[in-house]
């Protein structure tokens, strides 16, 4: 298995976990004092419809990363680029409310993973051939 596959699987599993069985569970990674995803979005000043839109988009991108890792590598770069934008937003929102390193770290790590998938020259060159 290649690094791109590992990174794609890692990002997809973390995101799918966060937006499925972890959705309504408390976590040290939640923003502010939120105990679930809905409260976390409210902490950032975002309403439920934005949460639903972000969730659907992230799940679709995570599934594309998963498909890219196991069968269709051409999906990885565009899905990682989209996910990187969401993770950049997540880091911004954590920082905007004064969250410390612990709540911000997962989004930052996923952002770095996605940027690696988007900008890794070896991966990009392989996809063009």
C-alpha atoms as a PDB file:
ATOM      1  CA  UNK A   1       0.000   0.000   0.000  1.00  0.00           C
ATOM      2  CA  UNK A   2       1.263   3.484  -0.872  1.00  0.00           C
ATOM      3  CA  UNK A   3       1.404   6.578   1.312  1.00  0.00           C
ATOM      4  CA  UNK A   4      -1.392   8.176  -0.713  1.00  0.00           C
ATOM      5  CA  UNK A   5      -3.637   5.216   0.038  1.00  0.00           C
ATOM      6  CA  UNK A   6      -2.812   5.320   3.742  1.00  0.00           C
ATOM      7  CA  UNK A   7      -3.445   9.062   3.955  1.00  0.00           C
ATOM      8  CA  UNK A   8      -6.683   8.761   1.980  1.00  0.00           C
ATOM      9  CA  UNK A   9      -7.904   5.949   4.218  1.00  0.00           C
ATOM     10  CA  UNK A  10      -6.886   7.815   7.361  1.00  0.00           C
ATOM     11  CA  UNK A  11      -8.694  11.021   6.387  1.00  0.00           C
ATOM     12  CA  UNK A  12     -11.791   9.188   5.199  1.00  0.00           C
ATOM     13  CA  UNK A  13     -12.083   7.029   8.328  1.00  0.00           C
ATOM     14  CA  UNK A  14     -11.612   9.980  10.702  1.00  0.00           C
ATOM     15  CA  UNK A  15     -14.156  12.130   8.857  1.00  0.00           C
ATOM     16  CA  UNK A  16     -16.712   9.336   8.477  1.00  0.00           C
ATOM     17  CA  UNK A  17     -16.329   8.550  12.173  1.00  0.00           C
ATOM     18  CA  UNK A  18     -16.816  12.195  13.187  1.00  0.00           C
ATOM     19  CA  UNK A  19     -19.913  12.568  11.030  1.00  0.00           C
ATOM     20  CA  UNK A  20     -21.569   9.258  11.960  1.00  0.00           C
ATOM     21  CA  UNK A  21     -21.240   7.550  15.334  1.00  0.00           C
ATOM     22  CA  UNK A  22     -19.287  10.435  16.949  1.00  0.00           C
ATOM     23  CA  UNK A  23     -21.801  13.078  15.815  1.00  0.00           C
ATOM     24  CA  UNK A  24     -23.664  13.350  19.114  1.00  0.00           C
ATOM     25  CA  UNK A  25     -20.906  12.263  21.479  1.00  0.00           C
ATOM     26  CA  UNK A  26     -18.761  14.546  23.598  1.00  0.00           C
ATOM     27  CA  UNK A  27     -15.087  14.789  22.719  1.00  0.00           C
ATOM     28  CA  UNK A  28     -12.029  16.730  23.875  1.00  0.00           C
ATOM     29  CA  UNK A  29     -11.734  17.792  20.231  1.00  0.00           C
ATOM     30  CA  UNK A  30     -15.038  19.714  20.187  1.00  0.00           C
ATOM     31  CA  UNK A  31     -14.882  23.489  19.912  1.00  0.00           C
ATOM     32  CA  UNK A  32     -15.509  25.567  22.995  1.00  0.00           C
ATOM     33  CA  UNK A  33     -17.629  23.740  25.546  1.00  0.00           C
ATOM     34  CA  UNK A  34     -19.738  21.877  22.962  1.00  0.00           C
ATOM     35  CA  UNK A  35     -20.726  18.296  23.715  1.00  0.00           C
ATOM     36  CA  UNK A  36     -21.957  17.373  20.225  1.00  0.00           C
ATOM     37  CA  UNK A  37     -21.650  18.519  16.607  1.00  0.00           C
ATOM     38  CA  UNK A  38     -24.762  20.705  16.701  1.00  0.00           C
ATOM     39  CA  UNK A  39     -23.532  22.588  19.776  1.00  0.00           C
ATOM     40  CA  UNK A  40     -20.087  22.904  18.196  1.00  0.00           C
ATOM     41  CA  UNK A  41     -21.468  24.595  15.073  1.00  0.00           C
ATOM     42  CA  UNK A  42     -23.577  26.876  17.281  1.00  0.00           C
ATOM     43  CA  UNK A  43     -20.415  27.777  19.206  1.00  0.00           C
ATOM     44  CA  UNK A  44     -18.918  28.984  15.915  1.00  0.00           C
ATOM     45  CA  UNK A  45     -22.061  31.005  15.168  1.00  0.00           C
ATOM     46  CA  UNK A  46     -23.233  28.610  12.440  1.00  0.00           C
ATOM     47  CA  UNK A  47     -26.760  27.233  12.204  1.00  0.00           C
ATOM     48  CA  UNK A  48     -28.055  23.715  11.690  1.00  0.00           C
ATOM     49  CA  UNK A  49     -28.489  24.034   7.924  1.00  0.00           C
ATOM     50  CA  UNK A  50     -24.817  24.907   7.532  1.00  0.00           C
ATOM     51  CA  UNK A  51     -23.911  21.925   9.703  1.00  0.00           C
ATOM     52  CA  UNK A  52     -25.998  19.631   7.496  1.00  0.00           C
ATOM     53  CA  UNK A  53     -24.429  21.028   4.316  1.00  0.00           C
ATOM     54  CA  UNK A  54     -20.910  20.700   5.691  1.00  0.00           C
ATOM     55  CA  UNK A  55     -21.649  17.182   6.943  1.00  0.00           C
ATOM     56  CA  UNK A  56     -23.056  15.966   3.642  1.00  0.00           C
ATOM     57  CA  UNK A  57     -20.159  17.506   1.731  1.00  0.00           C
ATOM     58  CA  UNK A  58     -17.532  16.037   4.048  1.00  0.00           C
ATOM     59  CA  UNK A  59     -19.110  12.570   3.941  1.00  0.00           C
ATOM     60  CA  UNK A  60     -19.176  12.648   0.132  1.00  0.00           C
ATOM     61  CA  UNK A  61     -15.539  13.773  -0.009  1.00  0.00           C
ATOM     62  CA  UNK A  62     -14.564  11.112   2.551  1.00  0.00           C
ATOM     63  CA  UNK A  63     -16.287   8.425   0.469  1.00  0.00           C
ATOM     64  CA  UNK A  64     -14.457   9.652  -2.639  1.00  0.00           C
ATOM     65  CA  UNK A  65     -11.156   9.430  -0.736  1.00  0.00           C
ATOM     66  CA  UNK A  66     -12.072   5.907   0.335  1.00  0.00           C
ATOM     67  CA  UNK A  67     -12.945   4.922  -3.232  1.00  0.00           C
ATOM     68  CA  UNK A  68      -9.739   6.536  -4.418  1.00  0.00           C
ATOM     69  CA  UNK A  69      -7.673   4.560  -1.937  1.00  0.00           C
ATOM     70  CA  UNK A  70      -9.154   1.193  -2.876  1.00  0.00           C
ATOM     71  CA  UNK A  71     -10.052   1.405  -6.565  1.00  0.00           C
ATOM     72  CA  UNK A  72     -10.099   4.814  -8.295  1.00  0.00           C
ATOM     73  CA  UNK A  73      -6.930   6.834  -7.512  1.00  0.00           C
ATOM     74  CA  UNK A  74      -8.033   9.686  -9.794  1.00  0.00           C
ATOM     75  CA  UNK A  75     -10.608  10.648  -7.130  1.00  0.00           C
ATOM     76  CA  UNK A  76      -7.984  11.297  -4.465  1.00  0.00           C
ATOM     77  CA  UNK A  77      -6.582  14.656  -5.546  1.00  0.00           C
ATOM     78  CA  UNK A  78      -9.901  16.495  -6.110  1.00  0.00           C
ATOM     79  CA  UNK A  79     -11.478  14.978  -2.987  1.00  0.00           C
ATOM     80  CA  UNK A  80      -8.414  15.893  -0.918  1.00  0.00           C
ATOM     81  CA  UNK A  81      -8.513  19.454  -2.275  1.00  0.00           C
ATOM     82  CA  UNK A  82     -12.159  19.832  -1.260  1.00  0.00           C
ATOM     83  CA  UNK A  83     -11.525  18.292   2.139  1.00  0.00           C
ATOM     84  CA  UNK A  84      -8.512  20.580   2.653  1.00  0.00           C
ATOM     85  CA  UNK A  85     -10.794  23.601   2.255  1.00  0.00           C
ATOM     86  CA  UNK A  86     -13.141  22.256   4.907  1.00  0.00           C
ATOM     87  CA  UNK A  87     -10.228  21.501   7.244  1.00  0.00           C
ATOM     88  CA  UNK A  88      -8.816  24.980   6.713  1.00  0.00           C
ATOM     89  CA  UNK A  89     -12.218  26.302   7.736  1.00  0.00           C
ATOM     90  CA  UNK A  90     -12.259  24.013  10.776  1.00  0.00           C
ATOM     91  CA  UNK A  91      -8.830  25.250  11.897  1.00  0.00           C
ATOM     92  CA  UNK A  92      -9.981  28.851  11.387  1.00  0.00           C
ATOM     93  CA  UNK A  93     -13.133  28.345  13.474  1.00  0.00           C
ATOM     94  CA  UNK A  94     -11.224  26.629  16.286  1.00  0.00           C
ATOM     95  CA  UNK A  95      -8.728  29.488  16.401  1.00  0.00           C
ATOM     96  CA  UNK A  96     -11.451  32.151  16.113  1.00  0.00           C
ATOM     97  CA  UNK A  97     -13.024  31.061  19.402  1.00  0.00           C
ATOM     98  CA  UNK A  98      -9.714  30.629  21.185  1.00  0.00           C
ATOM     99  CA  UNK A  99      -9.576  26.841  21.264  1.00  0.00           C
ATOM    100  CA  UNK A 100      -6.263  25.425  22.373  1.00  0.00           C
ATOM    101  CA  UNK A 101      -4.071  22.914  20.583  1.00  0.00           C
ATOM    102  CA  UNK A 102      -6.038  19.792  21.555  1.00  0.00           C
ATOM    103  CA  UNK A 103      -9.345  20.723  19.876  1.00  0.00           C
ATOM    104  CA  UNK A 104      -7.529  22.245  16.873  1.00  0.00           C
ATOM    105  CA  UNK A 105      -5.016  19.451  16.294  1.00  0.00           C
ATOM    106  CA  UNK A 106      -7.250  16.913  14.475  1.00  0.00           C
ATOM    107  CA  UNK A 107      -8.370  19.473  11.879  1.00  0.00           C
ATOM    108  CA  UNK A 108      -4.784  20.666  11.438  1.00  0.00           C
ATOM    109  CA  UNK A 109      -3.492  17.106  10.974  1.00  0.00           C
ATOM    110  CA  UNK A 110      -6.226  16.308   8.452  1.00  0.00           C
ATOM    111  CA  UNK A 111      -5.444  19.561   6.630  1.00  0.00           C
ATOM    112  CA  UNK A 112      -1.770  18.574   6.359  1.00  0.00           C
ATOM    113  CA  UNK A 113      -2.713  15.089   5.142  1.00  0.00           C
ATOM    114  CA  UNK A 114      -4.996  16.549   2.471  1.00  0.00           C
ATOM    115  CA  UNK A 115      -2.397  19.096   1.354  1.00  0.00           C
ATOM    116  CA  UNK A 116       0.134  16.272   1.068  1.00  0.00           C
ATOM    117  CA  UNK A 117      -2.292  14.376  -1.159  1.00  0.00           C
ATOM    118  CA  UNK A 118      -2.930  17.454  -3.305  1.00  0.00           C
ATOM    119  CA  UNK A 119       0.653  18.692  -3.674  1.00  0.00           C
ATOM    120  CA  UNK A 120       2.811  15.533  -3.517  1.00  0.00           C
ATOM    121  CA  UNK A 121       4.757  15.726  -6.818  1.00  0.00           C
ATOM    122  CA  UNK A 122       5.253  11.946  -7.050  1.00  0.00           C
ATOM    123  CA  UNK A 123       1.506  11.364  -6.719  1.00  0.00           C
ATOM    124  CA  UNK A 124       0.619  14.137  -9.167  1.00  0.00           C
ATOM    125  CA  UNK A 125       3.083  12.872 -11.788  1.00  0.00           C
ATOM    126  CA  UNK A 126       1.804   9.296 -11.419  1.00  0.00           C
ATOM    127  CA  UNK A 127      -1.783  10.414 -12.059  1.00  0.00           C
ATOM    128  CA  UNK A 128      -0.841  12.193 -15.306  1.00  0.00           C
ATOM    129  CA  UNK A 129       0.687   9.116 -16.889  1.00  0.00           C
END
